[in-house]
Amino acid sequence: MVPGSFGRPCARTCQKCSVRCALVLKLRQISIPESGRALRRALFLVSIAVFALSACQREPAEPEPPPPRVKRIFHLNPYEKDFGYSQAVLIDKTLYISGSVAADGDGRLVSPGDMAGQMRAAYSNIRRTLAAHGADFEEVVKETIYTTDMNALLQASDLRFEYYDKERLPTTSWLQVQRLVDPGFLVEIEVVAELP
């Protein structure tokens, strides 16, 4: 070994791979070698040190894939399964609520011929679904209303403010359709909510 040099563990960690270096040569005290043999020895030790440090430069590991998104199904009423749909589906913190109509727990029409009554019944079903997930209308970010009578919907539209704060309204689309699943239904309301 060259006089004045010695190997010792380094307390430092490689910044690229976070591995502690095994050996660092202390060459501060080496005087300029006088003979070729001493020069070769010093170069040899320096090349070992460079080789040891270069071993720390490994490729970074690939990031782990995100966890799978879990889809949770919710049924407000027993007949929904038989009819072939879920009242709501929760993925992460986004709650997708199916179109709600003016139907009671047995699937029977509520408030026939009355747009305001049917809207209240639909919003009541939405409120129950939101409450089952610890939410309320404040968390609704998107609302789509399907109606068979746009004029009647426009006349009854102010009752939406019984459920939504005028300062925190969701995005909304209103569509007139020819018919809903039951000819007696005048309105169907579908919402998306972001849970807290």
N, C-alpha and C. Protein backbone atom coordinates (compact mmCIF):
# COMPACT_ATOMS: atom_id res chain seq x y z
N MET A 1 0.84 -1.18 0.00
CA MET A 1 0.00 0.00 0.00
C MET A 1 0.89 1.25 0.00
N VAL A 2 0.42 2.29 -0.61
CA VAL A 2 1.19 3.53 -0.69
C VAL A 2 1.28 4.14 0.70
N PRO A 3 2.44 4.62 1.10
CA PRO A 3 2.58 5.21 2.43
C PRO A 3 1.60 6.37 2.61
N GLY A 4 0.95 6.42 3.77
CA GLY A 4 0.02 7.50 4.09
C GLY A 4 -1.38 7.27 3.56
N SER A 5 -1.65 6.12 2.93
CA SER A 5 -3.00 5.85 2.44
C SER A 5 -3.53 4.62 3.16
N PHE A 6 -4.78 4.55 3.33
CA PHE A 6 -5.40 3.37 3.93
C PHE A 6 -6.86 3.32 3.51
N GLY A 7 -7.42 2.10 3.55
CA GLY A 7 -8.83 1.93 3.20
C GLY A 7 -9.68 1.95 4.44
N ARG A 8 -10.84 2.57 4.37
CA ARG A 8 -11.79 2.57 5.49
C ARG A 8 -13.19 2.69 4.94
N PRO A 9 -14.19 2.20 5.69
CA PRO A 9 -15.57 2.33 5.24
C PRO A 9 -15.96 3.80 5.18
N CYS A 10 -16.74 4.15 4.20
CA CYS A 10 -17.23 5.52 4.04
C CYS A 10 -18.59 5.62 4.72
N ALA A 11 -18.83 6.65 5.44
CA ALA A 11 -20.12 6.82 6.10
C ALA A 11 -21.13 7.46 5.17
N ARG A 12 -20.74 7.75 3.95
CA ARG A 12 -21.62 8.40 3.00
C ARG A 12 -22.42 7.39 2.21
N THR A 13 -23.50 7.86 1.62
CA THR A 13 -24.36 7.02 0.81
C THR A 13 -24.36 7.55 -0.61
N CYS A 14 -24.28 6.66 -1.56
CA CYS A 14 -24.30 7.06 -2.97
C CYS A 14 -25.62 7.77 -3.26
N GLN A 15 -25.57 8.94 -3.86
CA GLN A 15 -26.78 9.71 -4.12
C GLN A 15 -27.62 9.11 -5.23
N LYS A 16 -27.05 8.31 -6.08
CA LYS A 16 -27.81 7.72 -7.19
C LYS A 16 -28.56 6.47 -6.78
N CYS A 17 -27.89 5.62 -5.98
CA CYS A 17 -28.53 4.33 -5.68
C CYS A 17 -28.80 4.11 -4.21
N SER A 18 -28.46 5.04 -3.37
CA SER A 18 -28.72 4.96 -1.93
C SER A 18 -28.04 3.76 -1.28
N VAL A 19 -26.88 3.35 -1.79
CA VAL A 19 -26.12 2.25 -1.21
C VAL A 19 -24.85 2.84 -0.60
N ARG A 20 -24.48 2.35 0.58
CA ARG A 20 -23.26 2.83 1.20
C ARG A 20 -22.05 2.31 0.43
N CYS A 21 -21.11 3.15 0.21
CA CYS A 21 -19.89 2.74 -0.47
C CYS A 21 -19.08 1.86 0.47
N ALA A 22 -18.47 0.78 -0.07
CA ALA A 22 -17.77 -0.18 0.76
C ALA A 22 -16.39 0.30 1.16
N LEU A 23 -15.73 1.03 0.32
CA LEU A 23 -14.35 1.39 0.61
C LEU A 23 -14.01 2.73 -0.04
N VAL A 24 -13.37 3.57 0.70
CA VAL A 24 -12.89 4.84 0.16
C VAL A 24 -11.43 4.95 0.56
N LEU A 25 -10.62 5.31 -0.37
CA LEU A 25 -9.20 5.43 -0.10
C LEU A 25 -8.87 6.85 0.31
N LYS A 26 -8.14 6.96 1.40
CA LYS A 26 -7.73 8.28 1.86
C LYS A 26 -6.36 8.57 1.25
N LEU A 27 -6.35 9.43 0.27
CA LEU A 27 -5.12 9.67 -0.45
C LEU A 27 -4.60 11.10 -0.22
N ARG A 28 -5.14 11.78 0.73
CA ARG A 28 -4.75 13.16 0.96
C ARG A 28 -3.26 13.32 1.31
N GLN A 29 -2.77 12.35 2.06
CA GLN A 29 -1.43 12.51 2.58
C GLN A 29 -0.35 11.93 1.65
N ILE A 30 -0.76 11.45 0.46
CA ILE A 30 0.22 10.88 -0.45
C ILE A 30 1.04 12.01 -1.08
N SER A 31 2.31 11.86 -0.99
CA SER A 31 3.16 12.84 -1.66
C SER A 31 3.34 12.41 -3.11
N ILE A 32 3.72 13.29 -3.96
CA ILE A 32 3.90 12.96 -5.36
C ILE A 32 4.98 11.88 -5.44
N PRO A 33 4.69 10.76 -6.03
CA PRO A 33 5.65 9.65 -6.05
C PRO A 33 6.89 9.99 -6.86
N GLU A 34 7.97 9.48 -6.39
CA GLU A 34 9.25 9.76 -7.02
C GLU A 34 9.57 8.71 -8.08
N SER A 35 9.19 7.49 -7.82
CA SER A 35 9.54 6.43 -8.77
C SER A 35 8.32 5.99 -9.55
N GLY A 36 8.56 5.31 -10.66
CA GLY A 36 7.47 4.79 -11.49
C GLY A 36 6.67 3.73 -10.77
N ARG A 37 7.35 2.97 -9.92
CA ARG A 37 6.64 1.93 -9.17
C ARG A 37 5.61 2.53 -8.23
N ALA A 38 5.97 3.57 -7.55
CA ALA A 38 5.05 4.25 -6.63
C ALA A 38 3.91 4.89 -7.41
N LEU A 39 4.21 5.42 -8.59
CA LEU A 39 3.18 6.03 -9.44
C LEU A 39 2.17 4.97 -9.89
N ARG A 40 2.66 3.81 -10.31
CA ARG A 40 1.76 2.73 -10.73
C ARG A 40 0.89 2.28 -9.57
N ARG A 41 1.50 2.18 -8.39
CA ARG A 41 0.74 1.76 -7.20
C ARG A 41 -0.37 2.77 -6.90
N ALA A 42 -0.05 4.07 -6.97
CA ALA A 42 -1.04 5.12 -6.70
C ALA A 42 -2.16 5.09 -7.73
N LEU A 43 -1.80 4.91 -9.01
CA LEU A 43 -2.82 4.84 -10.06
C LEU A 43 -3.70 3.61 -9.88
N PHE A 44 -3.08 2.50 -9.48
CA PHE A 44 -3.83 1.27 -9.23
C PHE A 44 -4.86 1.49 -8.12
N LEU A 45 -4.42 2.11 -7.03
CA LEU A 45 -5.35 2.36 -5.91
C LEU A 45 -6.45 3.34 -6.31
N VAL A 46 -6.12 4.34 -7.07
CA VAL A 46 -7.13 5.30 -7.54
C VAL A 46 -8.13 4.60 -8.45
N SER A 47 -7.65 3.72 -9.35
CA SER A 47 -8.58 3.00 -10.23
C SER A 47 -9.49 2.07 -9.45
N ILE A 48 -8.99 1.46 -8.38
CA ILE A 48 -9.85 0.62 -7.52
C ILE A 48 -10.92 1.49 -6.87
N ALA A 49 -10.54 2.64 -6.40
CA ALA A 49 -11.51 3.54 -5.77
C ALA A 49 -12.57 3.98 -6.78
N VAL A 50 -12.17 4.31 -7.99
CA VAL A 50 -13.12 4.72 -9.04
C VAL A 50 -14.04 3.56 -9.38
N PHE A 51 -13.49 2.37 -9.51
CA PHE A 51 -14.31 1.19 -9.80
C PHE A 51 -15.32 0.93 -8.69
N ALA A 52 -14.89 1.04 -7.44
CA ALA A 52 -15.79 0.81 -6.30
C ALA A 52 -16.92 1.83 -6.30
N LEU A 53 -16.61 3.07 -6.58
CA LEU A 53 -17.64 4.11 -6.59
C LEU A 53 -18.57 3.96 -7.80
N SER A 54 -18.05 3.52 -8.93
CA SER A 54 -18.90 3.37 -10.11
C SER A 54 -19.90 2.23 -9.94
N ALA A 55 -19.59 1.28 -9.07
CA ALA A 55 -20.53 0.18 -8.82
C ALA A 55 -21.82 0.68 -8.17
N CYS A 56 -21.75 1.84 -7.56
CA CYS A 56 -22.95 2.40 -6.90
C CYS A 56 -23.93 3.00 -7.90
N GLN A 57 -23.52 3.16 -9.15
CA GLN A 57 -24.38 3.81 -10.12
C GLN A 57 -25.25 2.78 -10.83
N ARG A 58 -26.24 2.28 -10.13
CA ARG A 58 -27.16 1.31 -10.70
C ARG A 58 -28.36 2.01 -11.31
N GLU A 59 -29.06 1.29 -12.17
CA GLU A 59 -30.29 1.82 -12.77
C GLU A 59 -31.35 1.98 -11.69
N PRO A 60 -32.10 3.07 -11.71
CA PRO A 60 -33.16 3.23 -10.71
C PRO A 60 -34.26 2.19 -10.95
N ALA A 61 -34.82 1.74 -9.85
CA ALA A 61 -35.90 0.74 -9.93
C ALA A 61 -37.15 1.38 -10.54
N GLU A 62 -37.93 0.58 -11.27
CA GLU A 62 -39.18 1.09 -11.85
C GLU A 62 -40.17 1.34 -10.72
N PRO A 63 -40.96 2.41 -10.84
CA PRO A 63 -41.94 2.68 -9.78
C PRO A 63 -43.00 1.58 -9.73
N GLU A 64 -43.53 1.37 -8.53
CA GLU A 64 -44.56 0.35 -8.36
C GLU A 64 -45.83 0.81 -9.06
N PRO A 65 -46.57 -0.12 -9.65
CA PRO A 65 -47.83 0.27 -10.29
C PRO A 65 -48.84 0.72 -9.22
N PRO A 66 -49.77 1.60 -9.59
CA PRO A 66 -50.76 2.04 -8.61
C PRO A 66 -51.64 0.87 -8.19
N PRO A 67 -52.21 0.95 -6.99
CA PRO A 67 -53.07 -0.15 -6.55
C PRO A 67 -54.30 -0.24 -7.45
N PRO A 68 -54.86 -1.44 -7.59
CA PRO A 68 -56.04 -1.58 -8.45
C PRO A 68 -57.22 -0.79 -7.88
N ARG A 69 -58.01 -0.25 -8.79
CA ARG A 69 -59.20 0.51 -8.37
C ARG A 69 -60.30 -0.47 -8.02
N VAL A 70 -60.87 -0.30 -6.86
CA VAL A 70 -61.90 -1.21 -6.38
C VAL A 70 -63.27 -0.63 -6.71
N LYS A 71 -64.10 -1.45 -7.28
CA LYS A 71 -65.46 -1.05 -7.66
C LYS A 71 -66.42 -1.65 -6.64
N ARG A 72 -67.15 -0.76 -5.92
CA ARG A 72 -68.12 -1.22 -4.93
C ARG A 72 -69.53 -0.89 -5.41
N ILE A 73 -70.38 -1.89 -5.36
CA ILE A 73 -71.76 -1.78 -5.86
C ILE A 73 -72.69 -1.48 -4.69
N PHE A 74 -73.73 -0.67 -4.94
CA PHE A 74 -74.72 -0.34 -3.92
C PHE A 74 -76.11 -0.47 -4.51
N HIS A 75 -77.00 -1.11 -3.75
CA HIS A 75 -78.41 -1.21 -4.14
C HIS A 75 -79.26 -0.53 -3.08
N LEU A 76 -80.08 0.43 -3.51
CA LEU A 76 -80.98 1.13 -2.60
C LEU A 76 -82.22 0.30 -2.34
N ASN A 77 -82.71 -0.38 -3.38
CA ASN A 77 -83.93 -1.18 -3.29
C ASN A 77 -83.68 -2.59 -3.83
N PRO A 78 -84.39 -3.59 -3.30
CA PRO A 78 -84.16 -4.98 -3.73
C PRO A 78 -84.44 -5.22 -5.22
N TYR A 79 -85.41 -4.54 -5.78
CA TYR A 79 -85.78 -4.80 -7.18
C TYR A 79 -84.71 -4.41 -8.19
N GLU A 80 -83.73 -3.60 -7.78
CA GLU A 80 -82.70 -3.14 -8.71
C GLU A 80 -81.89 -4.31 -9.29
N LYS A 81 -81.55 -5.28 -8.45
CA LYS A 81 -80.80 -6.45 -8.93
C LYS A 81 -81.61 -7.21 -9.97
N ASP A 82 -82.90 -7.41 -9.68
CA ASP A 82 -83.76 -8.14 -10.62
C ASP A 82 -83.91 -7.39 -11.94
N PHE A 83 -83.92 -6.07 -11.84
CA PHE A 83 -84.09 -5.26 -13.05
C PHE A 83 -82.78 -5.16 -13.83
N GLY A 84 -81.65 -5.44 -13.18
CA GLY A 84 -80.37 -5.48 -13.88
C GLY A 84 -79.52 -4.23 -13.80
N TYR A 85 -79.55 -3.51 -12.68
CA TYR A 85 -78.68 -2.35 -12.53
C TYR A 85 -78.35 -2.12 -11.06
N SER A 86 -77.35 -1.30 -10.82
CA SER A 86 -76.97 -0.88 -9.47
C SER A 86 -77.41 0.56 -9.28
N GLN A 87 -77.91 0.88 -8.10
CA GLN A 87 -78.29 2.26 -7.82
C GLN A 87 -77.06 3.15 -7.82
N ALA A 88 -75.92 2.59 -7.36
CA ALA A 88 -74.69 3.39 -7.34
C ALA A 88 -73.48 2.47 -7.44
N VAL A 89 -72.41 3.04 -7.96
CA VAL A 89 -71.12 2.36 -8.02
C VAL A 89 -70.09 3.36 -7.50
N LEU A 90 -69.28 2.89 -6.54
CA LEU A 90 -68.23 3.73 -5.95
C LEU A 90 -66.88 3.22 -6.42
N ILE A 91 -66.09 4.10 -7.03
CA ILE A 91 -64.72 3.78 -7.43
C ILE A 91 -63.84 4.87 -6.82
N ASP A 92 -62.93 4.43 -5.96
CA ASP A 92 -62.10 5.35 -5.18
C ASP A 92 -63.04 6.27 -4.40
N LYS A 93 -63.01 7.57 -4.67
CA LYS A 93 -63.90 8.50 -3.96
C LYS A 93 -64.96 9.09 -4.87
N THR A 94 -65.14 8.49 -6.05
CA THR A 94 -66.15 8.98 -6.98
C THR A 94 -67.36 8.05 -6.93
N LEU A 95 -68.53 8.62 -6.65
CA LEU A 95 -69.77 7.87 -6.54
C LEU A 95 -70.64 8.19 -7.76
N TYR A 96 -70.93 7.16 -8.55
CA TYR A 96 -71.78 7.30 -9.73
C TYR A 96 -73.16 6.77 -9.36
N ILE A 97 -74.16 7.64 -9.38
CA ILE A 97 -75.52 7.26 -9.01
C ILE A 97 -76.37 7.16 -10.27
N SER A 98 -77.00 6.00 -10.44
CA SER A 98 -77.86 5.77 -11.60
C SER A 98 -79.00 6.78 -11.63
N GLY A 99 -79.62 6.90 -12.80
CA GLY A 99 -80.78 7.77 -12.93
C GLY A 99 -81.84 7.38 -11.91
N SER A 100 -82.23 8.33 -11.07
CA SER A 100 -83.24 8.09 -10.04
C SER A 100 -84.57 8.64 -10.52
N VAL A 101 -85.59 7.85 -10.31
CA VAL A 101 -86.95 8.23 -10.74
C VAL A 101 -87.86 8.30 -9.53
N ALA A 102 -89.09 8.69 -9.78
CA ALA A 102 -90.08 8.81 -8.72
C ALA A 102 -90.68 7.43 -8.45
N ALA A 103 -89.90 6.58 -7.77
CA ALA A 103 -90.36 5.23 -7.45
C ALA A 103 -90.18 5.00 -5.96
N ASP A 104 -91.13 4.25 -5.37
CA ASP A 104 -91.00 3.92 -3.96
C ASP A 104 -90.12 2.67 -3.81
N GLY A 105 -90.00 2.15 -2.60
CA GLY A 105 -89.15 1.00 -2.32
C GLY A 105 -89.55 -0.26 -3.06
N ASP A 106 -90.78 -0.32 -3.55
CA ASP A 106 -91.25 -1.49 -4.31
C ASP A 106 -91.21 -1.24 -5.82
N GLY A 107 -90.74 -0.07 -6.23
CA GLY A 107 -90.64 0.23 -7.65
C GLY A 107 -91.90 0.83 -8.25
N ARG A 108 -92.86 1.20 -7.40
CA ARG A 108 -94.11 1.78 -7.92
C ARG A 108 -93.96 3.29 -8.12
N LEU A 109 -94.60 3.80 -9.17
CA LEU A 109 -94.59 5.22 -9.51
C LEU A 109 -95.15 6.07 -8.38
N VAL A 110 -94.47 7.17 -8.09
CA VAL A 110 -94.90 8.14 -7.08
C VAL A 110 -95.28 9.42 -7.81
N SER A 111 -96.36 10.07 -7.40
CA SER A 111 -96.81 11.36 -7.95
C SER A 111 -97.04 11.32 -9.46
N PRO A 112 -97.93 10.46 -9.94
CA PRO A 112 -98.18 10.41 -11.39
C PRO A 112 -98.68 11.76 -11.92
N GLY A 113 -98.12 12.18 -13.06
CA GLY A 113 -98.55 13.42 -13.71
C GLY A 113 -98.08 14.70 -13.03
N ASP A 114 -97.30 14.63 -11.97
CA ASP A 114 -96.87 15.80 -11.20
C ASP A 114 -95.34 15.93 -11.26
N MET A 115 -94.85 16.86 -12.09
CA MET A 115 -93.40 17.00 -12.27
C MET A 115 -92.71 17.34 -10.96
N ALA A 116 -93.22 18.31 -10.21
CA ALA A 116 -92.58 18.71 -8.95
C ALA A 116 -92.56 17.54 -7.96
N GLY A 117 -93.66 16.81 -7.87
CA GLY A 117 -93.72 15.66 -6.96
C GLY A 117 -92.73 14.57 -7.37
N GLN A 118 -92.60 14.34 -8.67
CA GLN A 118 -91.67 13.32 -9.14
C GLN A 118 -90.22 13.76 -8.93
N MET A 119 -89.94 15.05 -9.11
CA MET A 119 -88.58 15.53 -8.86
C MET A 119 -88.21 15.37 -7.39
N ARG A 120 -89.14 15.71 -6.50
CA ARG A 120 -88.87 15.56 -5.06
C ARG A 120 -88.62 14.09 -4.70
N ALA A 121 -89.40 13.19 -5.27
CA ALA A 121 -89.22 11.76 -5.00
C ALA A 121 -87.87 11.28 -5.53
N ALA A 122 -87.48 11.73 -6.72
CA ALA A 122 -86.18 11.33 -7.29
C ALA A 122 -85.05 11.89 -6.43
N TYR A 123 -85.14 13.16 -6.04
CA TYR A 123 -84.10 13.74 -5.18
C TYR A 123 -84.06 13.05 -3.81
N SER A 124 -85.20 12.62 -3.32
CA SER A 124 -85.23 11.88 -2.05
C SER A 124 -84.46 10.56 -2.17
N ASN A 125 -84.63 9.86 -3.29
CA ASN A 125 -83.88 8.61 -3.51
C ASN A 125 -82.38 8.89 -3.64
N ILE A 126 -82.03 9.98 -4.31
CA ILE A 126 -80.62 10.36 -4.43
C ILE A 126 -80.05 10.68 -3.05
N ARG A 127 -80.80 11.42 -2.24
CA ARG A 127 -80.34 11.78 -0.89
C ARG A 127 -80.07 10.52 -0.06
N ARG A 128 -80.95 9.53 -0.16
CA ARG A 128 -80.76 8.28 0.59
C ARG A 128 -79.49 7.56 0.13
N THR A 129 -79.24 7.56 -1.16
CA THR A 129 -78.03 6.91 -1.68
C THR A 129 -76.78 7.67 -1.23
N LEU A 130 -76.81 9.00 -1.31
CA LEU A 130 -75.68 9.81 -0.85
C LEU A 130 -75.43 9.58 0.65
N ALA A 131 -76.50 9.58 1.44
CA ALA A 131 -76.37 9.39 2.89
C ALA A 131 -75.78 8.02 3.23
N ALA A 132 -76.11 7.01 2.45
CA ALA A 132 -75.55 5.67 2.67
C ALA A 132 -74.04 5.66 2.47
N HIS A 133 -73.52 6.69 1.79
CA HIS A 133 -72.08 6.80 1.55
C HIS A 133 -71.46 7.96 2.32
N GLY A 134 -72.18 8.48 3.32
CA GLY A 134 -71.66 9.56 4.15
C GLY A 134 -71.57 10.89 3.44
N ALA A 135 -72.44 11.12 2.47
CA ALA A 135 -72.38 12.35 1.68
C ALA A 135 -73.75 13.01 1.62
N ASP A 136 -73.78 14.19 1.02
CA ASP A 136 -75.02 14.92 0.79
C ASP A 136 -74.89 15.63 -0.55
N PHE A 137 -75.85 16.48 -0.86
CA PHE A 137 -75.85 17.15 -2.16
C PHE A 137 -74.65 18.08 -2.35
N GLU A 138 -73.99 18.48 -1.27
CA GLU A 138 -72.80 19.33 -1.39
C GLU A 138 -71.69 18.64 -2.17
N GLU A 139 -71.66 17.29 -2.15
CA GLU A 139 -70.60 16.55 -2.83
C GLU A 139 -70.93 16.24 -4.29
N VAL A 140 -72.15 16.56 -4.73
CA VAL A 140 -72.53 16.30 -6.12
C VAL A 140 -71.80 17.27 -7.04
N VAL A 141 -71.11 16.72 -8.06
CA VAL A 141 -70.34 17.56 -8.99
C VAL A 141 -70.94 17.58 -10.39
N LYS A 142 -71.80 16.61 -10.70
CA LYS A 142 -72.41 16.53 -12.04
C LYS A 142 -73.82 16.01 -11.90
N GLU A 143 -74.74 16.65 -12.58
CA GLU A 143 -76.15 16.23 -12.56
C GLU A 143 -76.65 16.22 -14.00
N THR A 144 -77.35 15.14 -14.35
CA THR A 144 -78.01 15.06 -15.66
C THR A 144 -79.48 14.77 -15.41
N ILE A 145 -80.35 15.59 -15.99
CA ILE A 145 -81.79 15.41 -15.83
C ILE A 145 -82.38 15.05 -17.18
N TYR A 146 -83.08 13.93 -17.22
CA TYR A 146 -83.81 13.50 -18.42
C TYR A 146 -85.29 13.73 -18.12
N THR A 147 -85.99 14.32 -19.09
CA THR A 147 -87.41 14.57 -18.89
C THR A 147 -88.18 14.30 -20.18
N THR A 148 -89.44 13.96 -20.02
CA THR A 148 -90.32 13.79 -21.18
C THR A 148 -91.09 15.08 -21.46
N ASP A 149 -90.95 16.09 -20.57
CA ASP A 149 -91.68 17.36 -20.72
C ASP A 149 -90.80 18.51 -20.23
N MET A 150 -90.03 19.10 -21.13
CA MET A 150 -89.10 20.16 -20.75
C MET A 150 -89.81 21.38 -20.18
N ASN A 151 -91.01 21.72 -20.70
CA ASN A 151 -91.74 22.88 -20.17
C ASN A 151 -92.11 22.68 -18.71
N ALA A 152 -92.57 21.48 -18.37
CA ALA A 152 -92.93 21.19 -16.98
C ALA A 152 -91.68 21.21 -16.10
N LEU A 153 -90.56 20.71 -16.62
CA LEU A 153 -89.32 20.74 -15.85
C LEU A 153 -88.88 22.17 -15.58
N LEU A 154 -88.95 23.02 -16.60
CA LEU A 154 -88.56 24.42 -16.42
C LEU A 154 -89.44 25.11 -15.37
N GLN A 155 -90.71 24.79 -15.34
CA GLN A 155 -91.61 25.39 -14.36
C GLN A 155 -91.31 24.92 -12.93
N ALA A 156 -90.85 23.68 -12.78
CA ALA A 156 -90.59 23.12 -11.46
C ALA A 156 -89.11 23.20 -11.06
N SER A 157 -88.29 23.78 -11.92
CA SER A 157 -86.83 23.73 -11.72
C SER A 157 -86.33 24.41 -10.45
N ASP A 158 -87.05 25.40 -9.94
CA ASP A 158 -86.60 26.10 -8.73
C ASP A 158 -86.54 25.20 -7.50
N LEU A 159 -87.28 24.11 -7.52
CA LEU A 159 -87.25 23.23 -6.34
C LEU A 159 -85.90 22.54 -6.19
N ARG A 160 -85.05 22.59 -7.21
CA ARG A 160 -83.68 22.06 -7.09
C ARG A 160 -82.93 22.76 -5.97
N PHE A 161 -83.28 24.03 -5.70
CA PHE A 161 -82.58 24.78 -4.67
C PHE A 161 -82.98 24.33 -3.26
N GLU A 162 -83.93 23.43 -3.15
CA GLU A 162 -84.23 22.80 -1.86
C GLU A 162 -83.12 21.79 -1.53
N TYR A 163 -82.35 21.39 -2.53
CA TYR A 163 -81.32 20.37 -2.36
C TYR A 163 -79.91 20.92 -2.56
N TYR A 164 -79.76 21.88 -3.47
CA TYR A 164 -78.45 22.44 -3.79
C TYR A 164 -78.35 23.88 -3.29
N ASP A 165 -77.17 24.23 -2.82
CA ASP A 165 -76.86 25.61 -2.46
C ASP A 165 -76.63 26.38 -3.76
N LYS A 166 -77.27 27.53 -3.93
CA LYS A 166 -77.15 28.31 -5.17
C LYS A 166 -75.71 28.72 -5.45
N GLU A 167 -74.88 28.80 -4.42
CA GLU A 167 -73.49 29.19 -4.59
C GLU A 167 -72.58 28.00 -4.90
N ARG A 168 -73.10 26.77 -4.80
CA ARG A 168 -72.27 25.57 -5.00
C ARG A 168 -72.99 24.56 -5.88
N LEU A 169 -73.48 25.01 -7.02
CA LEU A 169 -74.24 24.13 -7.92
C LEU A 169 -73.31 23.19 -8.70
N PRO A 170 -73.80 21.98 -8.98
CA PRO A 170 -73.00 21.06 -9.81
C PRO A 170 -73.13 21.44 -11.28
N THR A 171 -72.29 20.87 -12.12
CA THR A 171 -72.50 21.01 -13.56
C THR A 171 -73.79 20.27 -13.88
N THR A 172 -74.55 20.77 -14.83
CA THR A 172 -75.87 20.21 -15.08
C THR A 172 -76.17 20.16 -16.57
N SER A 173 -76.80 19.06 -16.98
CA SER A 173 -77.33 18.94 -18.35
C SER A 173 -78.78 18.51 -18.24
N TRP A 174 -79.65 19.14 -19.02
CA TRP A 174 -81.06 18.76 -19.07
C TRP A 174 -81.37 18.29 -20.48
N LEU A 175 -81.99 17.14 -20.59
CA LEU A 175 -82.30 16.56 -21.89
C LEU A 175 -83.77 16.15 -21.95
N GLN A 176 -84.43 16.47 -23.04
CA GLN A 176 -85.79 15.97 -23.24
C GLN A 176 -85.70 14.69 -24.06
N VAL A 177 -86.36 13.66 -23.56
CA VAL A 177 -86.36 12.36 -24.23
C VAL A 177 -87.79 11.99 -24.58
N GLN A 178 -87.93 11.04 -25.46
CA GLN A 178 -89.27 10.63 -25.88
C GLN A 178 -90.00 9.88 -24.78
N ARG A 179 -89.26 9.02 -24.06
CA ARG A 179 -89.90 8.22 -23.02
C ARG A 179 -88.84 7.74 -22.04
N LEU A 180 -89.24 7.54 -20.78
CA LEU A 180 -88.38 6.91 -19.78
C LEU A 180 -88.83 5.46 -19.61
N VAL A 181 -88.19 4.72 -18.70
CA VAL A 181 -88.44 3.28 -18.57
C VAL A 181 -89.92 2.94 -18.34
N ASP A 182 -90.63 3.78 -17.64
CA ASP A 182 -92.08 3.63 -17.45
C ASP A 182 -92.73 4.87 -18.05
N PRO A 183 -93.77 4.72 -18.85
CA PRO A 183 -94.38 5.91 -19.48
C PRO A 183 -94.92 6.93 -18.48
N GLY A 184 -95.13 6.52 -17.23
CA GLY A 184 -95.62 7.45 -16.21
C GLY A 184 -94.53 8.33 -15.63
N PHE A 185 -93.27 7.94 -15.78
CA PHE A 185 -92.18 8.76 -15.26
C PHE A 185 -92.00 9.99 -16.14
N LEU A 186 -91.94 11.16 -15.50
CA LEU A 186 -91.72 12.42 -16.22
C LEU A 186 -90.27 12.88 -16.15
N VAL A 187 -89.52 12.38 -15.15
CA VAL A 187 -88.17 12.87 -14.93
C VAL A 187 -87.29 11.76 -14.35
N GLU A 188 -86.03 11.79 -14.74
CA GLU A 188 -85.03 10.88 -14.18
C GLU A 188 -83.77 11.70 -13.95
N ILE A 189 -83.19 11.59 -12.75
CA ILE A 189 -82.05 12.43 -12.38
C ILE A 189 -80.87 11.53 -12.03
N GLU A 190 -79.76 11.79 -12.71
CA GLU A 190 -78.53 11.03 -12.54
C GLU A 190 -77.45 11.96 -12.01
N VAL A 191 -76.68 11.53 -11.00
CA VAL A 191 -75.64 12.40 -10.45
C VAL A 191 -74.32 11.65 -10.27
N VAL A 192 -73.25 12.45 -10.20
CA VAL A 192 -71.92 11.96 -9.85
C VAL A 192 -71.45 12.81 -8.67
N ALA A 193 -70.93 12.15 -7.63
CA ALA A 193 -70.47 12.87 -6.43
C ALA A 193 -69.03 12.50 -6.13
N GLU A 194 -68.28 13.47 -5.62
CA GLU A 194 -66.91 13.24 -5.13
C GLU A 194 -67.00 13.22 -3.62
N LEU A 195 -66.72 12.06 -3.03
CA LEU A 195 -66.85 11.91 -1.58
C LEU A 195 -65.69 12.55 -0.85
N PRO A 196 -65.95 13.01 0.38
CA PRO A 196 -64.88 13.66 1.16
C PRO A 196 -63.81 12.66 1.57
